[in-house]
Amino acid sequence: MTTEFIFSTRYVLDKTHFSECYDESVTTDTSIRAYYKSIGLVTSGVILIFSPIDKYLAWFILSLGVVEALSVYYNKAWWLMRQRLSKASGNTIQLMMNEEGIFVKSDFVDVKNLWTEINEIKQTKKGFLLKLNKSTNYISNRCLSEEAKHFIINKASN
């Protein structure tokens, strides 16, 4: 007779968690292709400065190009700032895992990811990426026990 696996833990959504989440789940594009939009806006702004169109519009478009370039260059810092300013930042999350699925609950979130809904489980250096139909969730190893890690790995191989 086998016993049903049940794992429960709590963790805080802090800067280190958000930073790890970004590092493990986001692939950043540092090539020139990432800057195409900003190059186009800056070029358009410069061309409009020398045209008879209103100079405020030209400078606005040029400024948009500079802001776009900065958002590409400082992508992680921008993403971390948005997460830190969200209402979920600093809250305690309760993570529960059993044979049915993974359940995340906090003051603002109540998510149920059933194992049947998870399309792919990818193990990273510091955690697991759970790929669903329309989203991807990240679970850090920092909040998991060894049994829980092995349980997820077994679910991934099934």
N, C-alpha and C. Protein backbone atom coordinates (compact mmCIF):
# COMPACT_ATOMS: atom_id res chain seq x y z
N MET A 1 0.83 -1.17 0.00
CA MET A 1 0.00 0.00 0.00
C MET A 1 0.88 1.25 0.00
N THR A 2 0.69 2.13 -0.99
CA THR A 2 1.49 3.34 -1.07
C THR A 2 0.74 4.49 -0.42
N THR A 3 1.47 5.39 0.15
CA THR A 3 0.86 6.56 0.76
C THR A 3 0.86 7.69 -0.24
N GLU A 4 -0.15 8.51 -0.16
CA GLU A 4 -0.26 9.65 -1.06
C GLU A 4 0.75 10.72 -0.66
N PHE A 5 1.42 11.29 -1.65
CA PHE A 5 2.41 12.33 -1.39
C PHE A 5 1.70 13.66 -1.19
N ILE A 6 2.03 14.35 -0.11
CA ILE A 6 1.52 15.69 0.16
C ILE A 6 2.69 16.53 0.66
N PHE A 7 2.89 17.67 0.01
CA PHE A 7 3.94 18.59 0.40
C PHE A 7 3.35 19.98 0.52
N SER A 8 3.71 20.69 1.56
CA SER A 8 3.22 22.05 1.77
C SER A 8 4.34 22.90 2.35
N THR A 9 4.45 24.12 1.86
CA THR A 9 5.47 25.05 2.35
C THR A 9 4.99 26.48 2.15
N ARG A 10 5.71 27.40 2.75
CA ARG A 10 5.43 28.82 2.60
C ARG A 10 6.73 29.54 2.24
N TYR A 11 6.61 30.57 1.41
CA TYR A 11 7.75 31.41 1.09
C TYR A 11 7.27 32.82 0.78
N VAL A 12 8.18 33.77 0.82
CA VAL A 12 7.84 35.18 0.62
C VAL A 12 8.28 35.61 -0.78
N LEU A 13 7.43 36.38 -1.44
CA LEU A 13 7.78 36.94 -2.74
C LEU A 13 8.63 38.19 -2.51
N ASP A 14 9.94 37.99 -2.49
CA ASP A 14 10.86 39.09 -2.25
C ASP A 14 11.76 39.29 -3.48
N LYS A 15 12.68 40.23 -3.36
CA LYS A 15 13.54 40.56 -4.49
C LYS A 15 14.37 39.38 -4.96
N THR A 16 14.89 38.58 -4.02
CA THR A 16 15.70 37.43 -4.42
C THR A 16 14.87 36.40 -5.19
N HIS A 17 13.61 36.21 -4.76
CA HIS A 17 12.74 35.26 -5.47
C HIS A 17 12.44 35.78 -6.88
N PHE A 18 12.09 37.06 -6.99
CA PHE A 18 11.79 37.62 -8.31
C PHE A 18 13.01 37.58 -9.23
N SER A 19 14.18 37.88 -8.69
CA SER A 19 15.40 37.86 -9.49
C SER A 19 15.70 36.45 -9.99
N GLU A 20 15.57 35.47 -9.12
CA GLU A 20 15.78 34.08 -9.52
C GLU A 20 14.76 33.65 -10.57
N CYS A 21 13.53 34.06 -10.37
CA CYS A 21 12.45 33.75 -11.31
C CYS A 21 12.78 34.30 -12.71
N TYR A 22 13.25 35.53 -12.76
CA TYR A 22 13.61 36.14 -14.04
C TYR A 22 14.78 35.40 -14.68
N ASP A 23 15.82 35.16 -13.89
CA ASP A 23 17.02 34.51 -14.42
C ASP A 23 16.73 33.12 -14.99
N GLU A 24 15.84 32.39 -14.35
CA GLU A 24 15.57 31.02 -14.76
C GLU A 24 14.51 30.90 -15.86
N SER A 25 13.67 31.91 -16.02
CA SER A 25 12.55 31.74 -16.95
C SER A 25 12.58 32.65 -18.17
N VAL A 26 13.33 33.73 -18.13
CA VAL A 26 13.32 34.68 -19.24
C VAL A 26 14.58 34.51 -20.07
N THR A 27 14.39 34.42 -21.37
CA THR A 27 15.53 34.40 -22.27
C THR A 27 15.66 35.81 -22.87
N THR A 28 16.77 36.45 -22.60
CA THR A 28 16.95 37.83 -23.06
C THR A 28 17.65 37.85 -24.40
N ASP A 29 17.20 38.72 -25.26
CA ASP A 29 17.78 38.90 -26.58
C ASP A 29 18.67 40.14 -26.53
N THR A 30 19.97 39.95 -26.63
CA THR A 30 20.90 41.08 -26.58
C THR A 30 21.44 41.42 -27.97
N SER A 31 20.87 40.83 -28.99
CA SER A 31 21.35 41.11 -30.35
C SER A 31 20.78 42.45 -30.83
N ILE A 32 21.24 42.85 -31.99
CA ILE A 32 20.77 44.11 -32.58
C ILE A 32 19.28 44.05 -32.92
N ARG A 33 18.77 42.85 -33.14
CA ARG A 33 17.34 42.69 -33.46
C ARG A 33 16.44 43.23 -32.36
N ALA A 34 16.89 43.13 -31.11
CA ALA A 34 16.09 43.62 -29.99
C ALA A 34 15.96 45.14 -30.04
N TYR A 35 16.87 45.80 -30.72
CA TYR A 35 16.87 47.27 -30.78
C TYR A 35 16.25 47.82 -32.07
N TYR A 36 15.69 46.98 -32.94
CA TYR A 36 15.14 47.46 -34.20
C TYR A 36 14.05 48.51 -34.01
N LYS A 37 13.16 48.29 -33.07
CA LYS A 37 12.08 49.25 -32.85
C LYS A 37 12.64 50.60 -32.40
N SER A 38 13.60 50.58 -31.48
CA SER A 38 14.17 51.83 -31.00
C SER A 38 14.97 52.54 -32.09
N ILE A 39 15.68 51.77 -32.91
CA ILE A 39 16.42 52.37 -34.03
C ILE A 39 15.44 53.03 -35.00
N GLY A 40 14.34 52.36 -35.28
CA GLY A 40 13.34 52.92 -36.18
C GLY A 40 12.72 54.20 -35.63
N LEU A 41 12.41 54.21 -34.33
CA LEU A 41 11.83 55.41 -33.73
C LEU A 41 12.82 56.57 -33.70
N VAL A 42 14.07 56.31 -33.35
CA VAL A 42 15.09 57.37 -33.33
C VAL A 42 15.31 57.92 -34.73
N THR A 43 15.41 57.04 -35.71
CA THR A 43 15.59 57.48 -37.09
C THR A 43 14.41 58.31 -37.57
N SER A 44 13.20 57.86 -37.26
CA SER A 44 12.01 58.63 -37.64
C SER A 44 12.00 59.99 -36.96
N GLY A 45 12.38 60.02 -35.69
CA GLY A 45 12.42 61.29 -34.97
C GLY A 45 13.41 62.26 -35.56
N VAL A 46 14.59 61.76 -35.92
CA VAL A 46 15.61 62.63 -36.52
C VAL A 46 15.13 63.15 -37.87
N ILE A 47 14.52 62.30 -38.67
CA ILE A 47 14.00 62.74 -39.97
C ILE A 47 12.92 63.79 -39.79
N LEU A 48 12.04 63.58 -38.81
CA LEU A 48 10.96 64.53 -38.58
C LEU A 48 11.45 65.87 -38.03
N ILE A 49 12.60 65.87 -37.37
CA ILE A 49 13.15 67.14 -36.86
C ILE A 49 13.47 68.07 -38.02
N PHE A 50 13.95 67.51 -39.12
CA PHE A 50 14.32 68.33 -40.28
C PHE A 50 13.18 68.49 -41.29
N SER A 51 11.98 68.10 -40.93
CA SER A 51 10.81 68.27 -41.80
C SER A 51 9.95 69.41 -41.26
N PRO A 52 8.96 69.84 -42.04
CA PRO A 52 8.11 70.96 -41.59
C PRO A 52 7.09 70.56 -40.50
N ILE A 53 7.10 69.32 -40.07
CA ILE A 53 6.16 68.86 -39.05
C ILE A 53 6.57 69.45 -37.70
N ASP A 54 5.60 69.55 -36.81
CA ASP A 54 5.81 70.11 -35.48
C ASP A 54 7.01 69.45 -34.78
N LYS A 55 7.90 70.26 -34.25
CA LYS A 55 9.12 69.77 -33.62
C LYS A 55 8.83 68.98 -32.33
N TYR A 56 7.74 69.32 -31.64
CA TYR A 56 7.39 68.58 -30.43
C TYR A 56 7.11 67.11 -30.74
N LEU A 57 6.40 66.86 -31.84
CA LEU A 57 6.12 65.49 -32.27
C LEU A 57 7.42 64.77 -32.61
N ALA A 58 8.32 65.45 -33.30
CA ALA A 58 9.60 64.84 -33.68
C ALA A 58 10.41 64.48 -32.44
N TRP A 59 10.50 65.38 -31.49
CA TRP A 59 11.25 65.11 -30.26
C TRP A 59 10.57 64.03 -29.42
N PHE A 60 9.25 63.98 -29.46
CA PHE A 60 8.52 62.94 -28.73
C PHE A 60 8.85 61.56 -29.30
N ILE A 61 8.83 61.43 -30.62
CA ILE A 61 9.14 60.15 -31.26
C ILE A 61 10.60 59.77 -31.01
N LEU A 62 11.50 60.75 -31.08
CA LEU A 62 12.91 60.50 -30.79
C LEU A 62 13.08 60.03 -29.35
N SER A 63 12.37 60.66 -28.42
CA SER A 63 12.43 60.26 -27.01
C SER A 63 11.88 58.86 -26.80
N LEU A 64 10.81 58.52 -27.50
CA LEU A 64 10.26 57.17 -27.41
C LEU A 64 11.30 56.13 -27.83
N GLY A 65 12.05 56.45 -28.87
CA GLY A 65 13.11 55.55 -29.32
C GLY A 65 14.18 55.35 -28.26
N VAL A 66 14.55 56.43 -27.57
CA VAL A 66 15.56 56.33 -26.51
C VAL A 66 15.01 55.51 -25.34
N VAL A 67 13.76 55.75 -24.95
CA VAL A 67 13.15 55.00 -23.85
C VAL A 67 13.04 53.52 -24.22
N GLU A 68 12.69 53.23 -25.45
CA GLU A 68 12.60 51.84 -25.91
C GLU A 68 13.97 51.15 -25.85
N ALA A 69 15.02 51.86 -26.25
CA ALA A 69 16.37 51.29 -26.18
C ALA A 69 16.76 51.03 -24.73
N LEU A 70 16.42 51.94 -23.83
CA LEU A 70 16.73 51.74 -22.41
C LEU A 70 15.94 50.56 -21.83
N SER A 71 14.70 50.39 -22.27
CA SER A 71 13.90 49.27 -21.76
C SER A 71 14.45 47.93 -22.23
N VAL A 72 15.05 47.89 -23.40
CA VAL A 72 15.69 46.65 -23.87
C VAL A 72 16.98 46.41 -23.09
N TYR A 73 17.77 47.45 -22.91
CA TYR A 73 19.06 47.32 -22.24
C TYR A 73 18.89 46.97 -20.76
N TYR A 74 17.92 47.61 -20.10
CA TYR A 74 17.68 47.38 -18.67
C TYR A 74 16.44 46.52 -18.45
N ASN A 75 16.28 45.48 -19.26
CA ASN A 75 15.08 44.64 -19.21
C ASN A 75 14.87 44.01 -17.83
N LYS A 76 15.90 43.42 -17.25
CA LYS A 76 15.75 42.76 -15.96
C LYS A 76 15.40 43.75 -14.85
N ALA A 77 16.10 44.87 -14.82
CA ALA A 77 15.81 45.87 -13.79
C ALA A 77 14.39 46.40 -13.91
N TRP A 78 13.94 46.61 -15.13
CA TRP A 78 12.58 47.09 -15.38
C TRP A 78 11.57 46.05 -14.92
N TRP A 79 11.80 44.79 -15.25
CA TRP A 79 10.88 43.72 -14.86
C TRP A 79 10.85 43.57 -13.34
N LEU A 80 12.03 43.60 -12.69
CA LEU A 80 12.08 43.48 -11.23
C LEU A 80 11.37 44.64 -10.55
N MET A 81 11.52 45.84 -11.08
CA MET A 81 10.84 46.99 -10.49
C MET A 81 9.33 46.83 -10.58
N ARG A 82 8.85 46.38 -11.72
CA ARG A 82 7.39 46.17 -11.86
C ARG A 82 6.89 45.12 -10.88
N GLN A 83 7.65 44.05 -10.69
CA GLN A 83 7.23 43.00 -9.75
C GLN A 83 7.27 43.51 -8.32
N ARG A 84 8.30 44.29 -7.99
CA ARG A 84 8.42 44.82 -6.63
C ARG A 84 7.34 45.83 -6.31
N LEU A 85 6.82 46.52 -7.33
CA LEU A 85 5.75 47.49 -7.12
C LEU A 85 4.36 46.85 -7.13
N SER A 86 4.27 45.58 -7.49
CA SER A 86 2.98 44.92 -7.55
C SER A 86 2.45 44.66 -6.14
N LYS A 87 1.16 44.45 -6.06
CA LYS A 87 0.55 44.23 -4.74
C LYS A 87 0.94 42.88 -4.14
N ALA A 88 1.43 41.96 -4.96
CA ALA A 88 1.82 40.64 -4.46
C ALA A 88 3.20 40.65 -3.79
N SER A 89 4.01 41.66 -4.07
CA SER A 89 5.37 41.72 -3.53
C SER A 89 5.34 41.77 -2.00
N GLY A 90 6.17 40.94 -1.40
CA GLY A 90 6.26 40.91 0.06
C GLY A 90 5.25 39.99 0.73
N ASN A 91 4.34 39.44 -0.04
CA ASN A 91 3.33 38.54 0.53
C ASN A 91 3.87 37.12 0.69
N THR A 92 3.28 36.41 1.62
CA THR A 92 3.63 35.02 1.84
C THR A 92 2.76 34.14 0.94
N ILE A 93 3.42 33.21 0.27
CA ILE A 93 2.75 32.28 -0.64
C ILE A 93 2.73 30.92 0.02
N GLN A 94 1.58 30.25 -0.07
CA GLN A 94 1.50 28.87 0.39
C GLN A 94 1.46 27.98 -0.83
N LEU A 95 2.44 27.07 -0.91
CA LEU A 95 2.55 26.13 -2.02
C LEU A 95 2.22 24.75 -1.49
N MET A 96 1.27 24.08 -2.15
CA MET A 96 0.92 22.72 -1.78
C MET A 96 0.99 21.86 -3.02
N MET A 97 1.50 20.64 -2.85
CA MET A 97 1.66 19.72 -3.96
C MET A 97 1.18 18.35 -3.52
N ASN A 98 0.38 17.69 -4.38
CA ASN A 98 -0.05 16.33 -4.10
C ASN A 98 -0.22 15.58 -5.42
N GLU A 99 -0.81 14.42 -5.37
CA GLU A 99 -1.00 13.58 -6.57
C GLU A 99 -1.90 14.25 -7.60
N GLU A 100 -2.70 15.20 -7.16
CA GLU A 100 -3.65 15.88 -8.05
C GLU A 100 -3.00 17.01 -8.84
N GLY A 101 -2.13 17.79 -8.17
CA GLY A 101 -1.50 18.92 -8.83
C GLY A 101 -0.73 19.80 -7.87
N ILE A 102 -0.47 21.02 -8.34
CA ILE A 102 0.25 22.02 -7.56
C ILE A 102 -0.70 23.18 -7.31
N PHE A 103 -0.79 23.61 -6.05
CA PHE A 103 -1.73 24.64 -5.66
C PHE A 103 -0.97 25.78 -4.99
N VAL A 104 -1.21 26.99 -5.46
CA VAL A 104 -0.54 28.18 -4.93
C VAL A 104 -1.62 29.11 -4.41
N LYS A 105 -1.45 29.55 -3.15
CA LYS A 105 -2.47 30.40 -2.55
C LYS A 105 -1.79 31.53 -1.78
N SER A 106 -2.34 32.73 -1.95
CA SER A 106 -1.91 33.90 -1.18
C SER A 106 -3.12 34.82 -1.03
N ASP A 107 -2.87 36.01 -0.54
CA ASP A 107 -3.96 36.98 -0.39
C ASP A 107 -4.55 37.38 -1.74
N PHE A 108 -3.74 37.32 -2.79
CA PHE A 108 -4.17 37.81 -4.10
C PHE A 108 -4.27 36.73 -5.17
N VAL A 109 -3.77 35.54 -4.88
CA VAL A 109 -3.71 34.49 -5.90
C VAL A 109 -4.25 33.18 -5.33
N ASP A 110 -5.00 32.48 -6.16
CA ASP A 110 -5.44 31.13 -5.83
C ASP A 110 -5.39 30.31 -7.11
N VAL A 111 -4.24 29.66 -7.36
CA VAL A 111 -4.00 28.96 -8.62
C VAL A 111 -3.96 27.46 -8.38
N LYS A 112 -4.65 26.73 -9.25
CA LYS A 112 -4.63 25.27 -9.20
C LYS A 112 -4.12 24.77 -10.54
N ASN A 113 -2.93 24.18 -10.53
CA ASN A 113 -2.35 23.58 -11.73
C ASN A 113 -2.39 22.07 -11.57
N LEU A 114 -3.33 21.44 -12.23
CA LEU A 114 -3.43 19.99 -12.18
C LEU A 114 -2.33 19.39 -13.06
N TRP A 115 -1.86 18.22 -12.67
CA TRP A 115 -0.80 17.57 -13.43
C TRP A 115 -1.24 17.30 -14.87
N THR A 116 -2.53 17.08 -15.07
CA THR A 116 -3.04 16.82 -16.42
C THR A 116 -3.01 18.07 -17.29
N GLU A 117 -2.97 19.26 -16.68
CA GLU A 117 -2.94 20.52 -17.42
C GLU A 117 -1.53 20.97 -17.76
N ILE A 118 -0.54 20.38 -17.10
CA ILE A 118 0.86 20.77 -17.32
C ILE A 118 1.40 20.01 -18.52
N ASN A 119 1.81 20.76 -19.55
CA ASN A 119 2.29 20.16 -20.79
C ASN A 119 3.74 19.70 -20.70
N GLU A 120 4.55 20.46 -19.98
CA GLU A 120 5.98 20.15 -19.91
C GLU A 120 6.55 20.64 -18.58
N ILE A 121 7.43 19.86 -18.02
CA ILE A 121 8.16 20.26 -16.82
C ILE A 121 9.63 20.26 -17.18
N LYS A 122 10.25 21.43 -17.06
CA LYS A 122 11.66 21.57 -17.41
C LYS A 122 12.43 21.92 -16.16
N GLN A 123 13.44 21.13 -15.86
CA GLN A 123 14.27 21.38 -14.69
C GLN A 123 15.38 22.36 -15.07
N THR A 124 15.52 23.42 -14.27
CA THR A 124 16.59 24.40 -14.46
C THR A 124 17.62 24.22 -13.34
N LYS A 125 18.62 25.06 -13.32
CA LYS A 125 19.65 24.96 -12.28
C LYS A 125 19.09 25.22 -10.89
N LYS A 126 18.11 26.13 -10.81
CA LYS A 126 17.61 26.55 -9.50
C LYS A 126 16.16 26.21 -9.25
N GLY A 127 15.50 25.48 -10.16
CA GLY A 127 14.10 25.17 -9.94
C GLY A 127 13.47 24.43 -11.11
N PHE A 128 12.15 24.62 -11.26
CA PHE A 128 11.39 23.94 -12.29
C PHE A 128 10.50 24.94 -13.02
N LEU A 129 10.46 24.81 -14.35
CA LEU A 129 9.52 25.57 -15.17
C LEU A 129 8.37 24.65 -15.54
N LEU A 130 7.16 25.07 -15.21
CA LEU A 130 5.96 24.31 -15.55
C LEU A 130 5.27 25.01 -16.70
N LYS A 131 5.23 24.36 -17.86
CA LYS A 131 4.63 24.96 -19.05
C LYS A 131 3.20 24.47 -19.20
N LEU A 132 2.28 25.42 -19.16
CA LEU A 132 0.87 25.13 -19.36
C LEU A 132 0.48 25.60 -20.75
N ASN A 133 -0.81 25.55 -21.08
CA ASN A 133 -1.24 25.96 -22.41
C ASN A 133 -0.91 27.41 -22.72
N LYS A 134 -1.25 28.32 -21.80
CA LYS A 134 -1.08 29.74 -22.08
C LYS A 134 -0.09 30.45 -21.16
N SER A 135 0.56 29.73 -20.29
CA SER A 135 1.47 30.38 -19.35
C SER A 135 2.59 29.43 -18.94
N THR A 136 3.55 30.01 -18.25
CA THR A 136 4.66 29.25 -17.68
C THR A 136 4.82 29.69 -16.23
N ASN A 137 4.92 28.74 -15.34
CA ASN A 137 5.11 29.02 -13.92
C ASN A 137 6.48 28.51 -13.49
N TYR A 138 7.03 29.14 -12.48
CA TYR A 138 8.35 28.77 -11.97
C TYR A 138 8.23 28.40 -10.50
N ILE A 139 8.88 27.30 -10.13
CA ILE A 139 8.96 26.89 -8.72
C ILE A 139 10.44 26.78 -8.37
N SER A 140 10.84 27.49 -7.33
CA SER A 140 12.23 27.52 -6.91
C SER A 140 12.57 26.31 -6.06
N ASN A 141 13.78 25.81 -6.21
CA ASN A 141 14.25 24.71 -5.37
C ASN A 141 14.40 25.13 -3.91
N ARG A 142 14.55 26.44 -3.67
CA ARG A 142 14.75 26.93 -2.30
C ARG A 142 13.59 26.58 -1.39
N CYS A 143 12.40 26.46 -1.96
CA CYS A 143 11.23 26.19 -1.12
C CYS A 143 10.81 24.72 -1.17
N LEU A 144 11.54 23.89 -1.88
CA LEU A 144 11.17 22.48 -2.03
C LEU A 144 12.08 21.57 -1.21
N SER A 145 11.50 20.53 -0.68
CA SER A 145 12.29 19.49 -0.02
C SER A 145 12.84 18.55 -1.08
N GLU A 146 13.75 17.68 -0.69
CA GLU A 146 14.30 16.70 -1.64
C GLU A 146 13.20 15.76 -2.14
N GLU A 147 12.29 15.38 -1.25
CA GLU A 147 11.17 14.51 -1.67
C GLU A 147 10.31 15.20 -2.71
N ALA A 148 10.04 16.49 -2.51
CA ALA A 148 9.22 17.24 -3.45
C ALA A 148 9.91 17.36 -4.81
N LYS A 149 11.22 17.58 -4.80
CA LYS A 149 11.97 17.66 -6.06
C LYS A 149 11.89 16.33 -6.82
N HIS A 150 12.08 15.23 -6.11
CA HIS A 150 11.99 13.92 -6.76
C HIS A 150 10.57 13.65 -7.25
N PHE A 151 9.58 14.10 -6.51
CA PHE A 151 8.20 13.93 -6.93
C PHE A 151 7.92 14.65 -8.24
N ILE A 152 8.41 15.89 -8.36
CA ILE A 152 8.22 16.66 -9.60
C ILE A 152 8.96 15.99 -10.74
N ILE A 153 10.17 15.53 -10.50
CA ILE A 153 10.96 14.85 -11.54
C ILE A 153 10.23 13.58 -12.01
N ASN A 154 9.65 12.84 -11.07
CA ASN A 154 8.87 11.65 -11.45
C ASN A 154 7.65 12.02 -12.27
N LYS A 155 6.99 13.10 -11.91
CA LYS A 155 5.81 13.55 -12.68
C LYS A 155 6.23 13.99 -14.08
N ALA A 156 7.43 14.56 -14.20
CA ALA A 156 7.92 15.02 -15.50
C ALA A 156 8.20 13.84 -16.42
N SER A 157 8.65 12.74 -15.86
CA SER A 157 8.99 11.58 -16.68
C SER A 157 7.75 10.76 -17.07
N ASN A 158 6.63 10.99 -16.40
CA ASN A 158 5.39 10.26 -16.72
C ASN A 158 4.69 10.81 -17.92
